Amino acid sequence: MLQDLAALTPPLVVCAAFLIGVGWLLRREMAPRRRARRNAAADPADGAARPRRERREHT
């Protein structure tokens, strides 16, 4: 039984590292938009000068 679990350990470690990396990458890439949105909400006079253009997703 323990040998079976030992055989699964390397793939599970790689899978966990991959998922952590994907989460880190997504968080880093989304951060500028979140930061800009938070700053625009804090200072409405600055954001009112020009409307924000929404990004379109390609389907």
PDB file of N, CA and C in Angstrom:
ATOM      1  N   MET A   1       0.826  -1.199   0.000  1.00  0.00           N
ATOM      2  CA  MET A   1       0.000   0.000   0.000  1.00  0.00           C
ATOM      3  C   MET A   1       0.864   1.255   0.000  1.00  0.00           C
ATOM      4  N   LEU A   2       1.872   1.313   0.866  1.00  0.00           N
ATOM      5  CA  LEU A   2       2.745   2.486   0.918  1.00  0.00           C
ATOM      6  C   LEU A   2       3.560   2.649  -0.342  1.00  0.00           C
ATOM      7  N   GLN A   3       3.885   1.543  -1.013  1.00  0.00           N
ATOM      8  CA  GLN A   3       4.630   1.639  -2.260  1.00  0.00           C
ATOM      9  C   GLN A   3       3.764   2.271  -3.345  1.00  0.00           C
ATOM     10  N   ASP A   4       2.488   1.973  -3.324  1.00  0.00           N
ATOM     11  CA  ASP A   4       1.579   2.585  -4.289  1.00  0.00           C
ATOM     12  C   ASP A   4       1.506   4.094  -4.078  1.00  0.00           C
ATOM     13  N   LEU A   5       1.423   4.499  -2.830  1.00  0.00           N
ATOM     14  CA  LEU A   5       1.385   5.933  -2.522  1.00  0.00           C
ATOM     15  C   LEU A   5       2.710   6.606  -2.863  1.00  0.00           C
ATOM     16  N   ALA A   6       3.808   5.904  -2.623  1.00  0.00           N
ATOM     17  CA  ALA A   6       5.124   6.459  -2.953  1.00  0.00           C
ATOM     18  C   ALA A   6       5.265   6.649  -4.456  1.00  0.00           C
ATOM     19  N   ALA A   7       4.670   5.787  -5.242  1.00  0.00           N
ATOM     20  CA  ALA A   7       4.735   5.910  -6.690  1.00  0.00           C
ATOM     21  C   ALA A   7       3.926   7.114  -7.184  1.00  0.00           C
ATOM     22  N   LEU A   8       2.909   7.488  -6.449  1.00  0.00           N
ATOM     23  CA  LEU A   8       2.071   8.620  -6.859  1.00  0.00           C
ATOM     24  C   LEU A   8       2.605   9.964  -6.378  1.00  0.00           C
ATOM     25  N   THR A   9       3.547   9.980  -5.476  1.00  0.00           N
ATOM     26  CA  THR A   9       4.031  11.229  -4.907  1.00  0.00           C
ATOM     27  C   THR A   9       4.637  12.171  -5.946  1.00  0.00           C
ATOM     28  N   PRO A  10       5.569  11.741  -6.812  1.00  0.00           N
ATOM     29  CA  PRO A  10       6.149  12.692  -7.785  1.00  0.00           C
ATOM     30  C   PRO A  10       5.106  13.345  -8.708  1.00  0.00           C
ATOM     31  N   PRO A  11       4.169  12.573  -9.292  1.00  0.00           N
ATOM     32  CA  PRO A  11       3.166  13.247 -10.125  1.00  0.00           C
ATOM     33  C   PRO A  11       2.287  14.232  -9.342  1.00  0.00           C
ATOM     34  N   LEU A  12       1.977  13.892  -8.105  1.00  0.00           N
ATOM     35  CA  LEU A  12       1.165  14.802  -7.295  1.00  0.00           C
ATOM     36  C   LEU A  12       1.921  16.079  -6.969  1.00  0.00           C
ATOM     37  N   VAL A  13       3.203  15.969  -6.722  1.00  0.00           N
ATOM     38  CA  VAL A  13       4.021  17.157  -6.450  1.00  0.00           C
ATOM     39  C   VAL A  13       4.092  18.037  -7.690  1.00  0.00           C
ATOM     40  N   VAL A  14       4.291  17.436  -8.852  1.00  0.00           N
ATOM     41  CA  VAL A  14       4.340  18.199 -10.104  1.00  0.00           C
ATOM     42  C   VAL A  14       2.990  18.853 -10.379  1.00  0.00           C
ATOM     43  N   CYS A  15       1.916  18.138 -10.151  1.00  0.00           N
ATOM     44  CA  CYS A  15       0.571  18.687 -10.359  1.00  0.00           C
ATOM     45  C   CYS A  15       0.318  19.870  -9.427  1.00  0.00           C
ATOM     46  N   ALA A  16       0.694  19.727  -8.168  1.00  0.00           N
ATOM     47  CA  ALA A  16       0.505  20.823  -7.215  1.00  0.00           C
ATOM     48  C   ALA A  16       1.336  22.041  -7.607  1.00  0.00           C
ATOM     49  N   ALA A  17       2.578  21.814  -8.021  1.00  0.00           N
ATOM     50  CA  ALA A  17       3.433  22.928  -8.437  1.00  0.00           C
ATOM     51  C   ALA A  17       2.859  23.616  -9.669  1.00  0.00           C
ATOM     52  N   PHE A  18       2.328  22.843 -10.599  1.00  0.00           N
ATOM     53  CA  PHE A  18       1.726  23.420 -11.802  1.00  0.00           C
ATOM     54  C   PHE A  18       0.508  24.275 -11.448  1.00  0.00           C
ATOM     55  N   LEU A  19      -0.360  23.754 -10.587  1.00  0.00           N
ATOM     56  CA  LEU A  19      -1.560  24.508 -10.205  1.00  0.00           C
ATOM     57  C   LEU A  19      -1.206  25.779  -9.440  1.00  0.00           C
ATOM     58  N   ILE A  20      -0.195  25.713  -8.588  1.00  0.00           N
ATOM     59  CA  ILE A  20       0.253  26.912  -7.869  1.00  0.00           C
ATOM     60  C   ILE A  20       0.808  27.922  -8.861  1.00  0.00           C
ATOM     61  N   GLY A  21       1.568  27.460  -9.840  1.00  0.00           N
ATOM     62  CA  GLY A  21       2.124  28.349 -10.865  1.00  0.00           C
ATOM     63  C   GLY A  21       1.042  29.010 -11.702  1.00  0.00           C
ATOM     64  N   VAL A  22       0.030  28.259 -12.081  1.00  0.00           N
ATOM     65  CA  VAL A  22      -1.079  28.826 -12.859  1.00  0.00           C
ATOM     66  C   VAL A  22      -1.817  29.876 -12.036  1.00  0.00           C
ATOM     67  N   GLY A  23      -2.059  29.558 -10.774  1.00  0.00           N
ATOM     68  CA  GLY A  23      -2.732  30.529  -9.897  1.00  0.00           C
ATOM     69  C   GLY A  23      -1.914  31.792  -9.725  1.00  0.00           C
ATOM     70  N   TRP A  24      -0.613  31.639  -9.552  1.00  0.00           N
ATOM     71  CA  TRP A  24       0.278  32.798  -9.402  1.00  0.00           C
ATOM     72  C   TRP A  24       0.289  33.641 -10.684  1.00  0.00           C
ATOM     73  N   LEU A  25       0.377  32.974 -11.841  1.00  0.00           N
ATOM     74  CA  LEU A  25       0.394  33.692 -13.112  1.00  0.00           C
ATOM     75  C   LEU A  25      -0.911  34.454 -13.334  1.00  0.00           C
ATOM     76  N   LEU A  26      -2.027  33.815 -13.083  1.00  0.00           N
ATOM     77  CA  LEU A  26      -3.319  34.491 -13.262  1.00  0.00           C
ATOM     78  C   LEU A  26      -3.462  35.672 -12.314  1.00  0.00           C
ATOM     79  N   ARG A  27      -3.048  35.493 -11.085  1.00  0.00           N
ATOM     80  CA  ARG A  27      -3.140  36.586 -10.120  1.00  0.00           C
ATOM     81  C   ARG A  27      -2.260  37.765 -10.539  1.00  0.00           C
ATOM     82  N   ARG A  28      -1.057  37.455 -11.019  1.00  0.00           N
ATOM     83  CA  ARG A  28      -0.139  38.516 -11.443  1.00  0.00           C
ATOM     84  C   ARG A  28      -0.669  39.248 -12.671  1.00  0.00           C
ATOM     85  N   GLU A  29      -1.231  38.506 -13.618  1.00  0.00           N
ATOM     86  CA  GLU A  29      -1.738  39.125 -14.838  1.00  0.00           C
ATOM     87  C   GLU A  29      -3.012  39.929 -14.594  1.00  0.00           C
ATOM     88  N   MET A  30      -3.810  39.520 -13.638  1.00  0.00           N
ATOM     89  CA  MET A  30      -5.050  40.229 -13.353  1.00  0.00           C
ATOM     90  C   MET A  30      -4.829  41.422 -12.425  1.00  0.00           C
ATOM     91  N   ALA A  31      -3.717  41.467 -11.730  1.00  0.00           N
ATOM     92  CA  ALA A  31      -3.461  42.509 -10.738  1.00  0.00           C
ATOM     93  C   ALA A  31      -3.493  43.923 -11.313  1.00  0.00           C
ATOM     94  N   PRO A  32      -2.894  44.202 -12.468  1.00  0.00           N
ATOM     95  CA  PRO A  32      -2.946  45.588 -12.959  1.00  0.00           C
ATOM     96  C   PRO A  32      -4.373  46.087 -13.172  1.00  0.00           C
ATOM     97  N   ARG A  33      -5.239  45.240 -13.648  1.00  0.00           N
ATOM     98  CA  ARG A  33      -6.631  45.661 -13.843  1.00  0.00           C
ATOM     99  C   ARG A  33      -7.320  45.893 -12.514  1.00  0.00           C
ATOM    100  N   ARG A  34      -7.065  45.006 -11.549  1.00  0.00           N
ATOM    101  CA  ARG A  34      -7.671  45.199 -10.226  1.00  0.00           C
ATOM    102  C   ARG A  34      -7.146  46.479  -9.581  1.00  0.00           C
ATOM    103  N   ARG A  35      -5.854  46.725  -9.716  1.00  0.00           N
ATOM    104  CA  ARG A  35      -5.256  47.912  -9.116  1.00  0.00           C
ATOM    105  C   ARG A  35      -5.809  49.171  -9.784  1.00  0.00           C
ATOM    106  N   ALA A  36      -5.934  49.163 -11.118  1.00  0.00           N
ATOM    107  CA  ALA A  36      -6.468  50.322 -11.826  1.00  0.00           C
ATOM    108  C   ALA A  36      -7.927  50.568 -11.445  1.00  0.00           C
ATOM    109  N   ARG A  37      -8.687  49.489 -11.317  1.00  0.00           N
ATOM    110  CA  ARG A  37     -10.096  49.621 -10.947  1.00  0.00           C
ATOM    111  C   ARG A  37     -10.218  50.186  -9.534  1.00  0.00           C
ATOM    112  N   ARG A  38      -9.375  49.733  -8.622  1.00  0.00           N
ATOM    113  CA  ARG A  38      -9.416  50.225  -7.252  1.00  0.00           C
ATOM    114  C   ARG A  38      -9.021  51.697  -7.200  1.00  0.00           C
ATOM    115  N   ASN A  39      -8.003  52.081  -7.969  1.00  0.00           N
ATOM    116  CA  ASN A  39      -7.579  53.480  -7.989  1.00  0.00           C
ATOM    117  C   ASN A  39      -8.642  54.371  -8.623  1.00  0.00           C
ATOM    118  N   ALA A  40      -9.322  53.876  -9.648  1.00  0.00           N
ATOM    119  CA  ALA A  40     -10.376  54.662 -10.287  1.00  0.00           C
ATOM    120  C   ALA A  40     -11.550  54.856  -9.324  1.00  0.00           C
ATOM    121  N   ALA A  41     -11.847  53.846  -8.530  1.00  0.00           N
ATOM    122  CA  ALA A  41     -12.942  53.967  -7.573  1.00  0.00           C
ATOM    123  C   ALA A  41     -12.582  54.931  -6.444  1.00  0.00           C
ATOM    124  N   ALA A  42     -11.302  55.005  -6.116  1.00  0.00           N
ATOM    125  CA  ALA A  42     -10.868  55.892  -5.039  1.00  0.00           C
ATOM    126  C   ALA A  42     -10.883  57.353  -5.481  1.00  0.00           C
ATOM    127  N   ASP A  43     -10.641  57.605  -6.767  1.00  0.00           N
ATOM    128  CA  ASP A  43     -10.588  58.971  -7.291  1.00  0.00           C
ATOM    129  C   ASP A  43     -11.536  59.093  -8.488  1.00  0.00           C
ATOM    130  N   PRO A  44     -12.839  59.297  -8.247  1.00  0.00           N
ATOM    131  CA  PRO A  44     -13.803  59.322  -9.349  1.00  0.00           C
ATOM    132  C   PRO A  44     -13.609  60.492 -10.305  1.00  0.00           C
ATOM    133  N   ALA A  45     -13.013  61.590  -9.887  1.00  0.00           N
ATOM    134  CA  ALA A  45     -12.811  62.728 -10.786  1.00  0.00           C
ATOM    135  C   ALA A  45     -11.845  62.373 -11.903  1.00  0.00           C
ATOM    136  N   ASP A  46     -10.842  61.557 -11.620  1.00  0.00           N
ATOM    137  CA  ASP A  46      -9.870  61.171 -12.630  1.00  0.00           C
ATOM    138  C   ASP A  46     -10.486  60.211 -13.644  1.00  0.00           C
ATOM    139  N   GLY A  47     -11.288  59.276 -13.176  1.00  0.00           N
ATOM    140  CA  GLY A  47     -11.904  58.299 -14.065  1.00  0.00           C
ATOM    141  C   GLY A  47     -13.048  58.869 -14.882  1.00  0.00           C
ATOM    142  N   ALA A  48     -13.633  59.971 -14.450  1.00  0.00           N
ATOM    143  CA  ALA A  48     -14.764  60.551 -15.163  1.00  0.00           C
ATOM    144  C   ALA A  48     -14.325  61.274 -16.430  1.00  0.00           C
ATOM    145  N   ALA A  49     -13.066  61.619 -16.544  1.00  0.00           N
ATOM    146  CA  ALA A  49     -12.588  62.371 -17.700  1.00  0.00           C
ATOM    147  C   ALA A  49     -12.659  61.529 -18.972  1.00  0.00           C
ATOM    148  N   ARG A  50     -12.376  60.248 -18.872  1.00  0.00           N
ATOM    149  CA  ARG A  50     -12.436  59.385 -20.038  1.00  0.00           C
ATOM    150  C   ARG A  50     -13.096  58.072 -19.657  1.00  0.00           C
ATOM    151  N   PRO A  51     -14.027  57.628 -20.470  1.00  0.00           N
ATOM    152  CA  PRO A  51     -14.711  56.376 -20.139  1.00  0.00           C
ATOM    153  C   PRO A  51     -13.767  55.186 -20.307  1.00  0.00           C
ATOM    154  N   ARG A  52     -14.020  54.187 -19.501  1.00  0.00           N
ATOM    155  CA  ARG A  52     -13.191  52.979 -19.556  1.00  0.00           C
ATOM    156  C   ARG A  52     -13.663  52.080 -20.693  1.00  0.00           C
ATOM    157  N   ARG A  53     -12.735  51.619 -21.480  1.00  0.00           N
ATOM    158  CA  ARG A  53     -13.063  50.742 -22.594  1.00  0.00           C
ATOM    159  C   ARG A  53     -12.989  49.285 -22.143  1.00  0.00           C
ATOM    160  N   GLU A  54     -14.069  48.560 -22.357  1.00  0.00           N
ATOM    161  CA  GLU A  54     -14.122  47.160 -21.946  1.00  0.00           C
ATOM    162  C   GLU A  54     -13.391  46.299 -22.966  1.00  0.00           C
ATOM    163  N   ARG A  55     -12.764  45.256 -22.466  1.00  0.00           N
ATOM    164  CA  ARG A  55     -12.089  44.299 -23.332  1.00  0.00           C
ATOM    165  C   ARG A  55     -13.085  43.281 -23.844  1.00  0.00           C
ATOM    166  N   ARG A  56     -12.994  42.939 -25.105  1.00  0.00           N
ATOM    167  CA  ARG A  56     -13.888  41.941 -25.661  1.00  0.00           C
ATOM    168  C   ARG A  56     -13.172  40.600 -25.734  1.00  0.00           C
ATOM    169  N   GLU A  57     -13.911  39.573 -25.389  1.00  0.00           N
ATOM    170  CA  GLU A  57     -13.376  38.210 -25.469  1.00  0.00           C
ATOM    171  C   GLU A  57     -13.692  37.653 -26.856  1.00  0.00           C
ATOM    172  N   HIS A  58     -12.734  36.963 -27.422  1.00  0.00           N
ATOM    173  CA  HIS A  58     -12.952  36.307 -28.710  1.00  0.00           C
ATOM    174  C   HIS A  58     -13.585  34.951 -28.481  1.00  0.00           C
ATOM    175  N   THR A  59     -14.696  34.729 -29.169  1.00  0.00           N
ATOM    176  CA  THR A  59     -15.365  33.431 -29.007  1.00  0.00           C
ATOM    177  C   THR A  59     -15.348  32.650 -30.275  1.00  0.00           C
TER     178      THR A  59
END
